[in-house]
Protein backbone atom coordinates (compact mmCIF):
# COMPACT_ATOMS: atom_id res chain seq x y z
CA MET A 1 -2.75 -16.07 31.06
CA GLN A 2 -0.44 -17.81 28.62
CA VAL A 3 2.45 -15.63 27.46
CA PHE A 4 4.62 -16.44 24.44
CA GLN A 5 8.26 -16.71 25.47
CA PRO A 6 10.52 -14.43 23.37
CA ASP A 7 13.26 -17.03 22.92
CA SER A 8 10.78 -19.66 21.77
CA LEU A 9 9.05 -17.24 19.41
CA LYS A 10 12.40 -16.11 17.98
CA SER A 11 13.35 -19.70 17.16
CA GLU A 12 9.97 -20.28 15.48
CA ILE A 13 10.51 -17.19 13.34
CA ASP A 14 14.06 -18.24 12.45
CA GLU A 15 12.81 -21.64 11.30
CA ARG A 16 10.47 -19.95 8.83
CA VAL A 17 12.88 -17.36 7.42
CA PRO A 18 13.95 -19.48 4.41
CA ASP A 19 10.31 -19.99 3.37
CA LEU A 20 9.50 -16.33 4.02
CA VAL A 21 12.39 -15.19 1.80
CA ALA A 22 11.48 -17.66 -0.95
CA MET A 23 7.84 -16.58 -0.86
CA ARG A 24 8.71 -12.90 -0.98
CA ARG A 25 11.07 -13.41 -3.92
CA ASP A 26 8.44 -15.42 -5.81
CA LEU A 27 5.90 -12.64 -5.31
CA HIS A 28 8.53 -10.10 -6.35
CA GLU A 29 9.08 -11.94 -9.62
CA HIS A 30 5.35 -11.96 -10.36
CA PRO A 31 4.02 -8.47 -9.50
CA GLU A 32 0.32 -7.75 -10.00
CA MET A 33 -1.16 -4.28 -9.95
CA ALA A 34 -4.35 -2.98 -8.34
CA PHE A 35 -7.33 -5.35 -8.57
CA GLU A 36 -5.22 -7.71 -10.72
CA GLU A 37 -3.76 -9.67 -7.79
CA VAL A 38 -5.22 -12.98 -8.96
CA ARG A 39 -2.08 -15.11 -8.59
CA THR A 40 -1.11 -13.41 -5.34
CA SER A 41 -4.54 -13.80 -3.76
CA GLY A 42 -4.57 -17.42 -4.87
CA ILE A 43 -1.34 -18.06 -2.98
CA VAL A 44 -2.73 -16.29 0.08
CA GLU A 45 -5.94 -18.32 -0.03
CA GLN A 46 -4.13 -21.63 -0.49
CA ARG A 47 -1.79 -21.03 2.43
CA LEU A 48 -4.52 -19.83 4.78
CA ARG A 49 -6.74 -22.81 3.99
CA ALA A 50 -3.82 -25.17 4.55
CA LEU A 51 -3.41 -23.65 8.01
CA GLY A 52 -7.06 -24.27 8.86
CA PHE A 53 -8.30 -20.70 8.64
CA GLU A 54 -11.85 -19.70 7.75
CA VAL A 55 -11.24 -18.00 4.41
CA GLN A 56 -13.20 -15.47 2.39
CA THR A 57 -12.11 -14.51 -1.11
CA GLY A 58 -13.26 -12.09 -3.79
CA ILE A 59 -13.66 -9.22 -1.34
CA ALA A 60 -13.08 -5.96 -3.23
CA LYS A 61 -12.45 -8.19 -6.27
CA THR A 62 -9.16 -9.77 -5.18
CA GLY A 63 -9.03 -9.27 -1.42
CA VAL A 64 -8.68 -12.21 0.97
CA VAL A 65 -9.62 -12.54 4.64
CA GLY A 66 -8.60 -15.39 6.92
CA LEU A 67 -10.05 -15.87 10.40
CA LEU A 68 -8.24 -17.80 13.12
CA ARG A 69 -10.52 -18.60 16.06
CA GLY A 70 -8.72 -19.06 19.36
CA GLU A 71 -9.67 -22.27 21.11
CA GLN A 72 -9.92 -20.46 24.44
CA ALA A 73 -11.98 -17.61 23.00
CA GLY A 74 -15.33 -17.08 24.69
CA SER A 75 -18.46 -15.52 23.27
CA ASP A 76 -17.21 -12.07 24.25
CA ALA A 77 -13.71 -12.58 22.88
CA LYS A 78 -11.90 -9.75 21.14
CA THR A 79 -10.81 -9.91 17.51
CA LEU A 80 -7.50 -8.47 16.38
CA ALA A 81 -6.95 -7.78 12.68
CA ILE A 82 -3.55 -8.04 11.02
CA ARG A 83 -3.50 -6.23 7.69
CA ALA A 84 -1.20 -6.51 4.65
CA ASP A 85 -1.43 -5.13 1.11
CA MET A 86 -0.67 -7.10 -2.07
CA ASP A 87 -0.46 -4.86 -5.15
CA ALA A 88 2.57 -3.70 -7.15
CA LEU A 89 3.42 -0.47 -8.97
CA PRO A 90 3.65 0.47 -12.68
CA ILE A 91 7.45 0.71 -12.57
CA HIS A 92 10.02 -1.04 -14.76
CA GLU A 93 12.56 -2.79 -12.53
CA LEU A 94 16.18 -1.98 -13.36
CA THR A 95 17.88 -4.19 -10.78
CA THR A 96 19.84 -7.26 -11.80
CA VAL A 97 18.93 -9.52 -8.86
CA GLU A 98 17.96 -13.04 -9.83
CA TYR A 99 14.44 -12.55 -8.47
CA ARG A 100 13.76 -9.28 -10.34
CA SER A 101 10.33 -8.70 -11.84
CA GLN A 102 9.47 -10.92 -14.78
CA VAL A 103 6.71 -8.56 -15.89
CA ASP A 104 7.73 -5.52 -17.93
CA GLY A 105 6.50 -2.26 -16.48
CA LYS A 106 5.43 -3.74 -13.15
CA MET A 107 7.40 -4.02 -9.93
CA HIS A 108 7.02 -4.50 -6.20
CA ALA A 109 8.79 -1.23 -5.43
CA CYS A 110 6.86 -0.47 -2.24
CA GLY A 111 7.38 -3.71 -0.36
CA HIS A 112 3.94 -5.28 -0.63
CA ASP A 113 5.53 -8.59 -1.61
CA GLY A 114 7.22 -8.44 1.78
CA HIS A 115 4.05 -7.40 3.59
CA THR A 116 2.13 -10.34 2.14
CA SER A 117 4.91 -12.79 2.96
CA ILE A 118 5.25 -11.49 6.51
CA GLY A 119 1.49 -11.68 7.01
CA LEU A 120 1.38 -15.30 5.87
CA THR A 121 4.35 -16.19 8.05
CA VAL A 122 2.69 -14.64 11.10
CA ALA A 123 -0.47 -16.58 10.21
CA ASP A 124 1.57 -19.78 10.15
CA ILE A 125 3.12 -19.11 13.56
CA LEU A 126 -0.13 -18.10 15.24
CA SER A 127 -2.03 -21.06 13.77
CA LYS A 128 0.25 -23.27 15.88
CA LYS A 129 -0.78 -21.27 18.95
CA ARG A 130 -4.51 -21.72 18.34
CA SER A 131 -4.99 -23.69 21.56
CA GLU A 132 -3.48 -20.85 23.60
CA LEU A 133 -5.40 -17.95 22.04
CA ARG A 134 -8.14 -16.32 24.12
CA GLY A 135 -9.32 -14.23 21.20
CA ASN A 136 -9.63 -14.33 17.43
CA ILE A 137 -7.22 -13.08 14.80
CA LYS A 138 -8.39 -11.88 11.40
CA PHE A 139 -5.83 -11.55 8.60
CA ILE A 140 -6.80 -8.99 5.98
CA PHE A 141 -4.97 -9.05 2.64
CA GLN A 142 -5.96 -5.90 0.81
CA PRO A 143 -5.77 -5.24 -2.93
CA ALA A 144 -5.24 -1.89 -4.66
CA GLU A 145 -3.54 0.05 -1.90
CA GLU A 146 -1.42 1.92 -4.43
CA VAL A 147 -4.42 3.47 -6.17
CA VAL A 148 -6.13 4.29 -2.86
CA GLY A 149 -9.01 2.07 -3.89
CA GLY A 150 -8.88 -1.26 -2.06
CA ALA A 151 -9.58 -0.39 1.57
CA GLU A 152 -12.99 1.26 1.23
CA PRO A 153 -14.72 -1.61 -0.61
CA MET A 154 -13.32 -4.07 1.92
CA VAL A 155 -14.73 -1.99 4.77
CA GLU A 156 -18.05 -1.72 2.92
CA ALA A 157 -18.04 -5.52 2.57
CA GLY A 158 -17.98 -5.75 6.38
CA VAL A 159 -14.49 -7.05 7.07
CA MET A 160 -14.09 -4.61 9.98
CA ASN A 161 -17.49 -5.19 11.60
CA ASP A 162 -16.25 -7.50 14.35
CA VAL A 163 -12.74 -6.13 14.70
CA ASP A 164 -11.61 -4.54 17.96
CA GLY A 165 -8.17 -3.42 16.82
CA VAL A 166 -5.83 -3.52 13.84
CA ILE A 167 -2.07 -3.83 13.53
CA GLY A 168 0.15 -3.70 10.48
CA LEU A 169 3.58 -2.69 9.30
CA HIS A 170 5.40 -1.19 6.34
CA LEU A 171 8.86 -2.07 5.10
CA ILE A 172 11.20 0.89 4.74
CA SER A 173 14.58 0.80 3.06
CA ASN A 174 16.33 3.54 5.05
CA TYR A 175 16.44 1.37 8.18
CA PRO A 176 19.06 -1.39 8.47
CA ILE A 177 17.89 -5.00 8.35
CA GLY A 178 16.71 -6.12 11.77
CA ARG A 179 15.55 -2.73 13.02
CA VAL A 180 11.88 -2.19 13.83
CA GLY A 181 10.56 1.34 14.14
CA VAL A 182 7.65 2.03 16.51
CA ARG A 183 6.17 5.31 17.66
CA ALA A 184 3.09 6.58 19.45
CA GLY A 185 0.47 8.40 17.43
CA THR A 186 0.10 8.70 13.68
CA VAL A 187 2.79 7.09 11.55
CA PHE A 188 1.45 7.22 8.00
CA ALA A 189 -0.42 10.08 6.38
CA SER A 190 -3.56 10.07 4.30
CA ALA A 191 -3.06 9.62 0.56
CA ASP A 192 -5.12 11.57 -1.95
CA LYS A 193 -4.68 11.52 -5.71
CA LEU A 194 -4.44 14.86 -7.47
CA LYS A 195 -5.16 15.48 -11.16
CA LEU A 196 -5.16 18.91 -12.77
CA THR A 197 -5.80 19.80 -16.41
CA VAL A 198 -4.60 23.18 -17.65
CA HIS A 199 -6.47 24.37 -20.73
CA GLY A 200 -4.71 26.79 -23.08
CA SER A 201 -4.83 27.62 -26.74
CA GLY A 202 -2.47 25.80 -29.07
CA GLY A 203 -0.19 27.33 -31.63
CA HIS A 204 3.22 27.23 -33.25
CA GLY A 205 6.25 27.31 -31.00
CA ALA A 206 7.75 30.10 -33.10
CA MET A 207 4.70 32.33 -32.51
CA PRO A 208 3.87 31.95 -28.80
CA HIS A 209 2.22 35.38 -28.73
CA GLY A 210 -0.67 33.90 -30.70
CA ALA A 211 -1.24 31.07 -28.24
CA VAL A 212 -1.95 30.51 -24.55
CA ASP A 213 0.76 28.12 -23.42
CA PRO A 214 -0.59 25.57 -20.90
CA ILE A 215 2.93 24.28 -20.18
CA VAL A 216 4.09 27.66 -18.89
CA ILE A 217 0.87 27.96 -16.86
CA ALA A 218 1.42 24.45 -15.49
CA ALA A 219 4.94 25.40 -14.41
CA HIS A 220 3.56 28.33 -12.41
CA VAL A 221 0.84 26.09 -10.93
CA ILE A 222 3.43 23.57 -9.74
CA THR A 223 5.42 26.29 -8.00
CA ALA A 224 2.33 27.94 -6.54
CA LEU A 225 1.04 24.66 -5.14
CA GLN A 226 4.00 24.54 -2.76
CA THR A 227 2.76 27.72 -1.08
CA LEU A 228 -0.22 25.70 0.15
CA ILE A 229 2.31 24.07 2.47
CA SER A 230 4.62 27.01 3.21
CA ARG A 231 1.97 29.72 3.58
CA GLU A 232 -1.43 28.10 4.13
CA THR A 233 -0.54 25.21 6.45
CA SER A 234 0.62 25.42 10.05
CA PRO A 235 4.22 24.25 10.54
CA PHE A 236 2.85 22.12 13.37
CA SER A 237 0.66 20.16 10.93
CA PRO A 238 2.87 18.23 8.49
CA ALA A 239 1.60 18.02 4.91
CA VAL A 240 2.98 17.33 1.45
CA VAL A 241 1.89 18.18 -2.08
CA THR A 242 3.91 16.43 -4.78
CA ILE A 243 3.46 16.56 -8.54
CA GLY A 244 4.73 13.31 -10.00
CA THR A 245 3.65 13.49 -13.65
CA ILE A 246 3.45 16.19 -16.32
CA ASN A 247 1.98 15.31 -19.70
CA ALA A 248 1.60 17.78 -22.54
CA GLY A 249 2.20 18.08 -26.24
CA THR A 250 3.09 15.75 -29.10
CA ALA A 251 5.78 17.73 -30.95
CA PHE A 252 8.81 19.80 -29.90
CA ASN A 253 7.76 22.90 -31.83
CA ILE A 254 4.03 22.99 -31.13
CA ILE A 255 2.29 24.63 -28.17
CA PRO A 256 -0.38 22.15 -27.05
CA GLU A 257 -3.97 22.78 -26.09
CA THR A 258 -3.71 21.21 -22.63
CA ALA A 259 -1.26 20.07 -19.97
CA GLU A 260 -2.08 17.44 -17.36
CA LEU A 261 -0.53 17.29 -13.91
CA GLY A 262 -0.77 14.28 -11.62
CA GLY A 263 0.30 14.11 -8.02
CA THR A 264 -0.51 13.29 -4.44
CA MET A 265 -1.51 15.13 -1.28
CA ARG A 266 -0.54 13.76 2.13
CA ALA A 267 -1.51 14.94 5.61
CA PHE A 268 -2.08 13.64 9.12
CA ARG A 269 -5.36 15.49 9.71
CA PRO A 270 -8.54 15.67 7.58
CA SER A 271 -8.79 19.41 8.20
CA ILE A 272 -5.45 19.95 6.49
CA VAL A 273 -6.52 17.94 3.43
CA ARG A 274 -9.57 20.19 3.07
CA ILE A 275 -7.34 23.30 2.79
């Protein structure tokens, strides 16, 4: 069986680093949010087609899939999927780097510009190894990861039907450049979106006794939610509940009718999420 030599592969990667960096910085300058990744998916499609991949577009609106068939792959060959996400976040970038976001209120703050660039670079390298491959490689570029909405429609569209295994990665800023973290078992938790609306009874801020203040209730709810972790969840089953947004009121001296809380729940096991 043909084995890629580490030294040879390292040199092939090094040759592509300038293009990888340029691509990532271009994507960083032009962030697109969930299901809006039109420019990004266009770049992905163009590069995959140029490499000779079989390409499908428009999956889950803006998703792209590229299939590389190994020339030594038989009828019973395995298919490995390599997955990357493409969407940005609704965050205003405050950095001063020359490749900072050119779109107000949108930023690649979670590294998906890097994931997409790495995926395309790996596709480039492996396309040159087509004659040595005994199996097939499917590259999956997923939209809308940040809103937990892109994966399911891609699966429903059948992109995983012939896949025997999947690999992927996630950039993380608390590791130094050049370090790769690998571990057995689960690495990333599930991600569920949480939205709570507290209904009260509005009134004047100077007469709170005549109102039911949803902001005070919301404050107690936020604190109480943490007991789901500390008192309802086993310490051997990691879980997180985070409230990231609080929206209530339109004036400093008025008690509003409602308060809205938005957050996320994360866990490694479905049974914990159901708690």
